[in-house]
Amino acid sequence: MRNATKLILASVIATTLTACNSSNSNDDGMSYLRVFHASPDAPKVDVWLDGEKALEGVDYQQSSGQVSVSSGAHTVQIEAILPDKTTVTVLPETALDLMADTEYNVIATGKAALLGSGEEMAFMPLIVTRDYMVPTGARVQAIHSAPDAPMVDVFITAFNAELSAATPFADDIVYKDSTEAVEVPAGDYQIRITDPNDSSVVYYDSGEVNVPAGSDWVALATNNTAGGDAPVALVIDTGSSTVVAHDINTGSDIRVVHTISDAPAVDVWVNGDVPAMDSALYNLDFKAFTDYLTLPAAEYTFNAAPTGTTDVVDALTLTTTLDNAMSYTAIAIGNLGDATENDELYVVVDDKRRVATEAKVRAIHASTLAGNVDIYVSSDDMVSDDDTMIADIAYKGDTTLLSIMAGEAYVMVTPAGDMSTIAIGPVMLDFKAGTITTLVAIDDPDSSTDVSVISIDD
């Protein structure tokens, strides 16, 4: 699995590798590869090495680890996976010629949506080569592969060291730059990425991390596509494993949706604090929703009360933990007047990464009246078994994010097992590549069927 991953991006870089190394190969030695998927909007990929599939379904922020291969001639091919499970060849079978005792760090970076545009941030292979070695202490190298991040300084210091008195590990690093691979004593460190003109402006803080003896780290700054407000996350490949290390202070993202048809507009309280009148959490009406709000990762108590009152609705009180670098949607669901205990603040985990080659769609069942339902996405306004997205969704059911081909399609909701009765729709939607659409089925007294659907994404 790891061998495949490294080569996934190797395929994209194959042409460059061939040009760099064709005259210096050594068939008797070994070469070393690490391959990274660092393109924030690129789909999963399959990689073929020497005519065989070496890796399948490699996703963003995954790495191969350091893998040894024989030096000399190889072929590599990479295929992007589309939502309908077909593939598109990103790089045709290409010859490689690898030098002995050399490590190739191959990074697929940039934005897939800009591929072919000639822009600086367009999808491209980035190759960082260095001598192969097994450090006695540890070796660390940092690579700026976050297309949306500015020029930065990188500090690797003792924990809580004052940056104003520290010397940067590397300074003025711009996108696609890399530091030298530097040997350091094994031990505990703190990695911080800062504004090059003001080290008090910290874009990324790793907290305390241990670099064991014998470690050979490659640390990539990548776009943070998870929760919180840190612009980057580090993908750290130790040679034997890979972790995504988020800024310890990045926080969590949460948005709130009001779907209770017989409830008035509400204020959402956070840890007992009443929202200010200019807050997105003030006067949230039926069918309304907030943008994502960033909060420090911690345990929270959320309450809802009719706007301007202190009459907290006990059923809509929620105590939950928001984890660092996570995103959530909290949906006020239920029906206050039906004498049924179905009212609550219901929380789902979100995935905010957008992919340039597909649309992502999700459906959440928040209607107390609809019963179990089937959801169809169709090229026409007729339902059929071939169109079923997901079947038999119960109240509070969640399809999670599903990848679909971009384009216009009809969405229809029927009672489970009853294709002849369309409860919601047909609604024609234009699912654009690079978008996320979250559909919430709700009770709706203004609808002829008493149920409808709202979309809470752009």
Protein backbone atom coordinates (compact mmCIF):
# COMPACT_ATOMS: atom_id res chain seq x y z
CA MET A 1 0.00 0.00 0.00
CA ARG A 2 2.75 2.43 0.90
CA ASN A 3 4.80 1.46 -2.13
CA ALA A 4 1.86 2.34 -4.27
CA THR A 5 1.24 5.63 -2.62
CA LYS A 6 4.66 6.94 -3.21
CA LEU A 7 4.41 6.12 -6.83
CA ILE A 8 1.10 7.70 -7.36
CA LEU A 9 2.67 11.02 -7.55
CA ALA A 10 5.77 9.61 -9.04
CA SER A 11 3.74 9.07 -12.11
CA VAL A 12 2.90 12.69 -12.39
CA ILE A 13 6.54 13.57 -12.04
CA ALA A 14 7.76 10.86 -14.26
CA THR A 15 8.62 13.13 -17.13
CA THR A 16 10.69 15.38 -14.94
CA LEU A 17 12.49 12.50 -13.30
CA THR A 18 13.41 11.08 -16.66
CA ALA A 19 14.84 14.36 -17.83
CA CYS A 20 16.87 14.84 -14.65
CA ASN A 21 18.34 11.38 -14.32
CA SER A 22 18.53 9.59 -17.62
CA SER A 23 22.30 9.77 -17.91
CA ASN A 24 23.26 8.92 -14.31
CA SER A 25 21.38 5.74 -13.40
CA ASN A 26 23.00 2.84 -11.59
CA ASP A 27 21.25 -0.47 -12.16
CA ASP A 28 23.21 -2.18 -9.36
CA GLY A 29 22.16 0.11 -6.48
CA MET A 30 18.94 1.18 -4.85
CA SER A 31 16.93 4.37 -5.16
CA TYR A 32 14.46 5.73 -2.60
CA LEU A 33 11.08 7.35 -3.05
CA ARG A 34 8.55 9.23 -1.01
CA VAL A 35 5.40 10.29 -2.81
CA PHE A 36 2.87 12.77 -1.45
CA HIS A 37 -0.65 13.74 -2.50
CA ALA A 38 -0.64 17.43 -1.57
CA SER A 39 -3.12 18.85 -4.11
CA PRO A 40 -6.02 20.14 -2.00
CA ASP A 41 -8.72 19.78 -4.66
CA ALA A 42 -7.51 16.72 -6.58
CA PRO A 43 -9.45 13.42 -6.46
CA LYS A 44 -8.18 10.07 -5.28
CA VAL A 45 -5.81 8.37 -7.68
CA ASP A 46 -4.57 4.93 -8.68
CA VAL A 47 -0.90 4.44 -9.50
CA TRP A 48 0.61 1.86 -11.79
CA LEU A 49 4.27 0.86 -11.53
CA ASP A 50 5.94 -1.27 -14.18
CA GLY A 51 2.54 -2.22 -15.60
CA GLU A 52 0.96 -3.27 -12.29
CA LYS A 53 -1.36 -1.33 -10.01
CA ALA A 54 0.82 -0.32 -7.10
CA LEU A 55 -1.64 1.88 -5.23
CA GLU A 56 -5.39 2.29 -5.21
CA GLY A 57 -7.51 5.21 -4.02
CA VAL A 58 -4.76 7.48 -2.67
CA ASP A 59 -6.28 10.55 -1.09
CA TYR A 60 -5.20 14.07 -0.14
CA GLN A 61 -2.50 14.33 2.55
CA GLN A 62 -1.42 10.72 2.15
CA SER A 63 2.18 9.68 1.62
CA SER A 64 4.03 6.55 0.68
CA GLY A 65 6.71 6.68 3.33
CA GLN A 66 10.28 6.09 2.28
CA VAL A 67 10.39 3.09 -0.03
CA SER A 68 13.37 1.49 -1.73
CA VAL A 69 13.26 0.46 -5.39
CA SER A 70 15.96 -0.77 -7.70
CA SER A 71 17.73 2.05 -9.48
CA GLY A 72 17.50 2.29 -13.22
CA ALA A 73 14.55 1.96 -15.57
CA HIS A 74 10.91 1.88 -14.41
CA THR A 75 7.55 2.89 -15.86
CA VAL A 76 4.81 4.70 -14.03
CA GLN A 77 1.24 5.71 -14.84
CA ILE A 78 -1.34 7.63 -12.82
CA GLU A 79 -5.13 7.60 -13.14
CA ALA A 80 -7.60 9.93 -11.43
CA ILE A 81 -10.74 8.25 -10.08
CA LEU A 82 -14.06 9.83 -11.10
CA PRO A 83 -17.31 9.49 -9.13
CA ASP A 84 -18.76 6.94 -11.56
CA LYS A 85 -15.70 4.73 -10.82
CA THR A 86 -14.20 5.29 -14.25
CA THR A 87 -10.69 6.68 -14.42
CA VAL A 88 -8.96 9.34 -16.44
CA THR A 89 -5.28 8.95 -17.25
CA VAL A 90 -3.48 11.90 -15.74
CA LEU A 91 -0.12 10.66 -16.91
CA PRO A 92 0.31 7.94 -19.57
CA GLU A 93 2.86 5.20 -19.02
CA THR A 94 6.15 7.04 -18.72
CA ALA A 95 9.72 5.81 -18.38
CA LEU A 96 11.73 6.67 -15.25
CA ASP A 97 15.46 6.37 -14.70
CA LEU A 98 16.41 6.60 -11.02
CA MET A 99 19.89 7.19 -9.63
CA ALA A 100 21.34 4.94 -6.93
CA ASP A 101 21.70 6.22 -3.34
CA THR A 102 19.37 9.11 -4.07
CA GLU A 103 16.04 9.87 -2.45
CA TYR A 104 13.25 11.41 -4.53
CA ASN A 105 10.50 13.25 -2.70
CA VAL A 106 7.74 13.59 -5.23
CA ILE A 107 4.89 15.94 -4.36
CA ALA A 108 1.72 16.43 -6.35
CA THR A 109 0.81 19.97 -5.38
CA GLY A 110 -1.16 22.93 -6.64
CA LYS A 111 -4.82 23.10 -7.56
CA ALA A 112 -6.41 20.64 -9.94
CA ALA A 113 -9.01 23.23 -10.96
CA LEU A 114 -6.18 25.33 -12.44
CA LEU A 115 -4.53 22.48 -14.34
CA GLY A 116 -3.37 23.72 -17.73
CA SER A 117 -3.93 27.38 -16.86
CA GLY A 118 -0.25 28.24 -16.58
CA GLU A 119 -0.88 29.87 -13.21
CA GLU A 120 1.64 29.55 -10.39
CA MET A 121 -0.82 27.64 -8.20
CA ALA A 122 -1.90 25.16 -10.89
CA PHE A 123 -1.57 21.43 -10.26
CA MET A 124 1.98 20.25 -10.92
CA PRO A 125 4.62 17.77 -9.74
CA LEU A 126 7.28 19.09 -7.37
CA ILE A 127 10.41 17.01 -6.93
CA VAL A 128 12.89 17.44 -4.11
CA THR A 129 15.96 15.19 -4.31
CA ARG A 130 18.63 14.57 -1.71
CA ASP A 131 21.28 12.02 -0.79
CA TYR A 132 20.00 8.90 0.89
CA MET A 133 21.19 8.43 4.48
CA VAL A 134 20.25 6.86 7.81
CA PRO A 135 20.78 9.63 10.38
CA THR A 136 22.43 8.82 13.71
CA GLY A 137 20.41 11.54 15.37
CA ALA A 138 17.55 12.77 13.20
CA ARG A 139 17.13 14.58 9.92
CA VAL A 140 14.39 17.11 9.15
CA GLN A 141 13.40 18.80 5.91
CA ALA A 142 10.46 21.16 5.36
CA ILE A 143 8.70 21.78 2.05
CA HIS A 144 6.20 24.57 1.33
CA SER A 145 3.47 22.86 -0.70
CA ALA A 146 0.43 24.89 0.41
CA PRO A 147 -0.64 26.94 -2.63
CA ASP A 148 -2.80 29.31 -0.58
CA ALA A 149 -0.16 30.08 2.07
CA PRO A 150 2.13 33.13 1.81
CA MET A 151 5.90 33.43 2.21
CA VAL A 152 6.86 32.16 5.67
CA ASP A 153 9.64 31.56 8.15
CA VAL A 154 9.99 28.13 9.75
CA PHE A 155 11.18 27.73 13.33
CA ILE A 156 12.14 24.40 14.94
CA THR A 157 12.92 25.14 18.58
CA ALA A 158 12.70 23.83 22.11
CA PHE A 159 9.11 23.87 23.38
CA ASN A 160 7.89 27.37 24.22
CA ALA A 161 11.16 29.02 23.19
CA GLU A 162 10.83 32.73 22.53
CA LEU A 163 10.82 33.23 18.78
CA SER A 164 12.06 36.80 19.02
CA ALA A 165 15.42 35.40 20.17
CA ALA A 166 15.43 32.33 17.93
CA THR A 167 17.05 31.83 14.54
CA PRO A 168 14.68 30.48 11.86
CA PHE A 169 15.26 26.94 10.64
CA ALA A 170 14.53 28.54 7.25
CA ASP A 171 13.44 32.03 6.31
CA ASP A 172 11.52 33.61 3.45
CA ILE A 173 10.20 30.26 2.20
CA VAL A 174 7.69 30.67 -0.63
CA TYR A 175 5.34 28.16 -2.21
CA LYS A 176 7.29 25.25 -3.79
CA ASP A 177 10.48 26.12 -1.84
CA SER A 178 12.14 23.59 0.42
CA THR A 179 14.66 23.82 3.23
CA GLU A 180 17.87 21.84 3.35
CA ALA A 181 17.68 18.40 4.94
CA VAL A 182 19.30 19.19 8.29
CA GLU A 183 20.60 16.74 10.89
CA VAL A 184 19.43 17.57 14.41
CA PRO A 185 19.76 15.82 17.77
CA ALA A 186 16.85 13.52 18.57
CA GLY A 187 14.53 15.05 21.15
CA ASP A 188 11.48 17.21 21.75
CA TYR A 189 10.82 20.20 19.51
CA GLN A 190 8.18 22.72 18.55
CA ILE A 191 7.56 23.59 14.90
CA ARG A 192 6.17 27.03 14.18
CA ILE A 193 5.48 28.73 10.85
CA THR A 194 5.34 32.50 11.03
CA ASP A 195 5.05 35.72 9.11
CA PRO A 196 8.58 36.42 7.80
CA ASN A 197 8.36 40.01 8.99
CA ASP A 198 6.85 39.35 12.42
CA SER A 199 7.52 36.11 14.28
CA SER A 200 4.68 36.88 16.71
CA VAL A 201 2.23 36.18 13.86
CA VAL A 202 2.12 32.39 13.97
CA TYR A 203 0.37 30.64 11.09
CA TYR A 204 1.04 27.16 12.45
CA ASP A 205 2.02 25.74 15.84
CA SER A 206 2.72 22.01 16.23
CA GLY A 207 2.89 22.05 20.00
CA GLU A 208 5.51 19.76 21.51
CA VAL A 209 6.58 16.94 19.19
CA ASN A 210 9.16 14.21 19.67
CA VAL A 211 11.70 13.46 16.94
CA PRO A 212 13.15 10.03 17.79
CA ALA A 213 16.69 8.93 17.04
CA GLY A 214 17.05 7.59 13.52
CA SER A 215 14.11 9.66 12.22
CA ASP A 216 14.30 11.02 8.71
CA TRP A 217 11.41 13.48 8.49
CA VAL A 218 9.95 15.24 5.51
CA ALA A 219 7.35 17.77 6.64
CA LEU A 220 5.04 19.28 4.04
CA ALA A 221 3.00 22.40 4.68
CA THR A 222 -0.34 21.71 2.96
CA ASN A 223 -3.60 23.63 2.72
CA ASN A 224 -5.75 23.02 5.78
CA THR A 225 -9.03 21.69 4.37
CA ALA A 226 -10.31 20.56 7.78
CA GLY A 227 -11.82 22.68 10.54
CA GLY A 228 -10.41 25.72 12.30
CA ASP A 229 -8.72 28.83 11.07
CA ALA A 230 -5.08 27.73 10.63
CA PRO A 231 -4.16 28.11 6.96
CA VAL A 232 -1.93 25.03 6.85
CA ALA A 233 -1.54 21.54 8.26
CA LEU A 234 1.70 19.57 8.27
CA VAL A 235 1.95 16.20 6.58
CA ILE A 236 4.89 14.58 8.36
CA ASP A 237 6.46 11.50 6.82
CA THR A 238 8.86 9.84 9.21
CA GLY A 239 10.00 7.23 6.72
CA SER A 240 7.90 4.49 8.29
CA SER A 241 4.60 6.29 8.92
CA THR A 242 2.73 9.43 7.95
CA VAL A 243 0.63 11.73 10.11
CA VAL A 244 -1.35 14.89 9.46
CA ALA A 245 -0.41 17.28 12.26
CA HIS A 246 -2.84 20.16 12.70
CA ASP A 247 -2.10 23.41 14.44
CA ILE A 248 -2.87 22.77 18.11
CA ASN A 249 -4.81 26.04 18.25
CA THR A 250 -6.69 25.87 14.96
CA GLY A 251 -10.02 25.25 16.67
CA SER A 252 -13.28 23.76 15.37
CA ASP A 253 -15.88 24.96 12.88
CA ILE A 254 -19.60 24.68 13.62
CA ARG A 255 -22.73 25.99 11.93
CA VAL A 256 -26.32 25.92 13.19
CA VAL A 257 -29.51 25.15 11.23
CA HIS A 258 -33.13 25.79 12.35
CA THR A 259 -35.50 23.15 10.91
CA ILE A 260 -38.35 23.02 13.49
CA SER A 261 -41.38 24.30 11.62
CA ASP A 262 -43.52 25.13 14.67
CA ALA A 263 -40.73 26.82 16.64
CA PRO A 264 -40.21 30.59 16.65
CA ALA A 265 -36.96 32.31 15.76
CA VAL A 266 -34.35 31.44 18.37
CA ASP A 267 -31.13 32.67 19.90
CA VAL A 268 -28.41 30.06 20.28
CA TRP A 269 -26.44 30.38 23.50
CA VAL A 270 -22.87 29.12 23.88
CA ASN A 271 -21.82 28.15 27.40
CA GLY A 272 -24.58 30.30 28.85
CA ASP A 273 -23.63 33.40 26.87
CA VAL A 274 -26.55 35.10 25.12
CA PRO A 275 -25.60 36.08 21.54
CA ALA A 276 -25.24 39.75 20.68
CA MET A 277 -27.81 41.20 18.30
CA ASP A 278 -25.23 41.35 15.51
CA SER A 279 -24.27 37.69 15.97
CA ALA A 280 -25.19 35.01 13.45
CA LEU A 281 -26.59 33.06 16.43
CA TYR A 282 -29.18 35.77 17.16
CA ASN A 283 -32.73 35.53 15.80
CA LEU A 284 -32.22 32.36 13.76
CA ASP A 285 -35.54 31.70 12.01
CA PHE A 286 -37.07 28.51 10.58
CA LYS A 287 -35.09 27.32 7.52
CA ALA A 288 -32.24 29.71 8.35
CA PHE A 289 -28.66 28.62 8.97
CA THR A 290 -25.39 30.25 9.91
CA ASP A 291 -22.03 30.20 8.20
CA TYR A 292 -19.33 28.20 9.92
CA LEU A 293 -18.19 29.76 13.18
CA THR A 294 -14.73 28.93 14.55
CA LEU A 295 -14.50 28.08 18.26
CA PRO A 296 -11.58 26.80 20.32
CA ALA A 297 -11.62 23.02 20.65
CA ALA A 298 -13.30 22.27 23.99
CA GLU A 299 -16.47 20.96 25.61
CA TYR A 300 -19.47 23.24 25.06
CA THR A 301 -23.06 23.56 26.16
CA PHE A 302 -25.43 24.96 23.53
CA ASN A 303 -28.92 26.19 24.36
CA ALA A 304 -31.73 27.61 22.27
CA ALA A 305 -34.31 30.13 23.48
CA PRO A 306 -36.97 32.15 21.62
CA THR A 307 -35.29 35.34 20.47
CA GLY A 308 -35.04 37.98 23.16
CA THR A 309 -36.11 35.64 25.99
CA THR A 310 -34.42 33.47 28.59
CA ASP A 311 -36.87 30.61 28.06
CA VAL A 312 -34.37 27.91 27.21
CA VAL A 313 -35.84 24.92 25.39
CA ASP A 314 -34.54 22.00 27.41
CA ALA A 315 -34.89 19.53 24.54
CA LEU A 316 -32.56 21.69 22.44
CA THR A 317 -29.81 21.80 25.07
CA LEU A 318 -26.68 19.98 23.97
CA THR A 319 -23.39 19.37 25.75
CA THR A 320 -20.72 18.09 23.39
CA THR A 321 -17.00 18.22 22.69
CA LEU A 322 -15.73 20.00 19.60
CA ASP A 323 -12.43 18.43 18.58
CA ASN A 324 -9.51 20.32 17.10
CA ALA A 325 -9.48 20.67 13.29
CA MET A 326 -13.00 19.27 12.92
CA SER A 327 -16.14 20.73 11.32
CA TYR A 328 -19.72 20.19 12.47
CA THR A 329 -23.32 21.06 11.63
CA ALA A 330 -25.79 21.35 14.52
CA ILE A 331 -29.41 21.02 13.37
CA ALA A 332 -32.38 21.91 15.55
CA ILE A 333 -34.79 19.13 14.59
CA GLY A 334 -38.17 17.89 15.72
CA ASN A 335 -41.73 19.15 16.15
CA LEU A 336 -42.59 20.94 19.39
CA GLY A 337 -46.33 20.32 19.12
CA ASP A 338 -46.53 16.61 18.33
CA ALA A 339 -46.10 15.37 21.93
CA THR A 340 -43.24 13.18 20.76
CA GLU A 341 -39.71 13.31 22.14
CA ASN A 342 -38.10 13.96 18.78
CA ASP A 343 -36.74 17.44 19.48
CA GLU A 344 -33.00 17.88 19.81
CA LEU A 345 -29.93 19.71 18.62
CA TYR A 346 -28.57 17.05 16.29
CA VAL A 347 -24.86 17.23 15.37
CA VAL A 348 -23.15 15.71 12.33
CA VAL A 349 -19.49 15.78 11.34
CA ASP A 350 -18.67 17.61 8.10
CA ASP A 351 -15.99 17.23 5.45
CA LYS A 352 -15.24 20.56 3.77
CA ARG A 353 -12.67 19.45 1.17
CA ARG A 354 -13.89 20.28 -2.33
CA VAL A 355 -12.68 18.26 -5.33
CA ALA A 356 -12.27 19.85 -8.74
CA THR A 357 -13.41 16.78 -10.70
CA GLU A 358 -16.62 16.00 -8.85
CA ALA A 359 -19.59 17.37 -6.96
CA LYS A 360 -20.26 16.20 -3.43
CA VAL A 361 -23.81 15.81 -2.15
CA ARG A 362 -25.21 14.81 1.22
CA ALA A 363 -28.75 14.29 2.48
CA ILE A 364 -29.89 14.49 6.10
CA HIS A 365 -33.37 13.34 7.16
CA ALA A 366 -34.80 15.91 9.61
CA SER A 367 -38.52 15.54 8.84
CA THR A 368 -40.70 14.05 11.57
CA LEU A 369 -43.51 13.48 9.06
CA ALA A 370 -41.77 11.73 6.20
CA GLY A 371 -41.01 8.32 7.71
CA ASN A 372 -38.22 6.26 6.15
CA VAL A 373 -37.35 7.49 2.67
CA ASP A 374 -35.44 6.63 -0.48
CA ILE A 375 -33.43 9.33 -2.25
CA TYR A 376 -32.94 9.36 -6.00
CA VAL A 377 -30.65 11.39 -8.23
CA SER A 378 -31.66 11.05 -11.86
CA SER A 379 -30.96 12.54 -15.27
CA ASP A 380 -34.73 12.89 -15.73
CA ASP A 381 -37.72 13.47 -13.46
CA MET A 382 -38.63 9.79 -13.23
CA VAL A 383 -37.39 7.48 -10.50
CA SER A 384 -35.88 4.07 -11.19
CA ASP A 385 -33.73 1.56 -9.36
CA ASP A 386 -30.69 2.69 -11.33
CA ASP A 387 -31.05 6.19 -9.89
CA THR A 388 -31.11 5.31 -6.20
CA MET A 389 -28.53 7.24 -4.24
CA ILE A 390 -29.39 5.65 -0.92
CA ALA A 391 -32.34 3.67 0.37
CA ASP A 392 -34.40 3.43 3.54
CA ILE A 393 -33.14 6.50 5.39
CA ALA A 394 -34.76 6.91 8.80
CA TYR A 395 -35.35 10.10 10.77
CA LYS A 396 -31.93 11.57 11.64
CA GLY A 397 -30.43 9.42 8.88
CA ASP A 398 -27.41 10.83 7.08
CA THR A 399 -26.05 9.71 3.73
CA THR A 400 -22.70 11.40 4.48
CA LEU A 401 -20.94 12.98 1.53
CA LEU A 402 -21.32 11.12 -1.75
CA SER A 403 -19.32 11.97 -4.86
CA ILE A 404 -21.29 12.39 -8.09
CA MET A 405 -20.52 13.49 -11.61
CA ALA A 406 -20.96 17.20 -12.15
CA GLY A 407 -23.99 18.33 -14.14
CA GLU A 408 -27.72 18.90 -13.95
CA ALA A 409 -29.74 16.21 -12.19
CA TYR A 410 -33.11 15.74 -10.56
CA VAL A 411 -33.37 14.96 -6.86
CA MET A 412 -36.45 13.09 -5.66
CA VAL A 413 -37.46 11.70 -2.28
CA THR A 414 -40.01 8.90 -1.95
CA PRO A 415 -41.35 6.82 0.94
CA ALA A 416 -39.06 3.83 1.41
CA GLY A 417 -39.94 1.13 -1.11
CA ASP A 418 -42.58 3.24 -2.88
CA MET A 419 -41.21 4.55 -6.17
CA SER A 420 -44.65 5.77 -7.27
CA THR A 421 -45.01 8.47 -4.59
CA ILE A 422 -42.66 11.43 -4.82
CA ALA A 423 -42.78 13.24 -1.49
CA ILE A 424 -40.15 15.83 -2.36
CA GLY A 425 -39.32 16.94 -5.88
CA PRO A 426 -38.56 16.46 -8.62
CA VAL A 427 -36.08 19.27 -7.97
CA MET A 428 -33.58 19.95 -10.73
CA LEU A 429 -30.20 20.99 -9.36
CA ASP A 430 -26.99 21.94 -11.12
CA PHE A 431 -24.26 20.04 -9.33
CA LYS A 432 -21.07 21.88 -10.22
CA ALA A 433 -17.61 20.37 -9.91
CA GLY A 434 -15.81 21.56 -6.81
CA THR A 435 -18.99 22.12 -4.81
CA ILE A 436 -20.59 20.57 -1.74
CA THR A 437 -24.38 20.40 -1.44
CA THR A 438 -25.99 19.42 1.86
CA LEU A 439 -29.73 18.80 1.55
CA VAL A 440 -31.89 18.63 4.68
CA ALA A 441 -35.40 17.16 4.47
CA ILE A 442 -37.70 19.07 6.84
CA ASP A 443 -41.33 19.40 7.92
CA ASP A 444 -42.79 22.33 5.98
CA PRO A 445 -46.40 23.50 6.42
CA ASP A 446 -46.03 25.68 3.32
CA SER A 447 -45.46 22.63 1.11
CA SER A 448 -48.35 20.72 -0.47
CA THR A 449 -46.85 17.48 0.87
CA ASP A 450 -45.97 18.98 4.30
CA VAL A 451 -42.31 18.21 3.70
CA SER A 452 -39.62 19.98 1.70
CA VAL A 453 -35.87 20.23 1.44
CA ILE A 454 -33.41 23.05 2.07
CA SER A 455 -29.81 23.33 0.90
CA ILE A 456 -27.31 24.65 3.42
CA ASP A 457 -24.21 24.95 1.21
CA ASP A 458 -23.25 27.19 -1.69
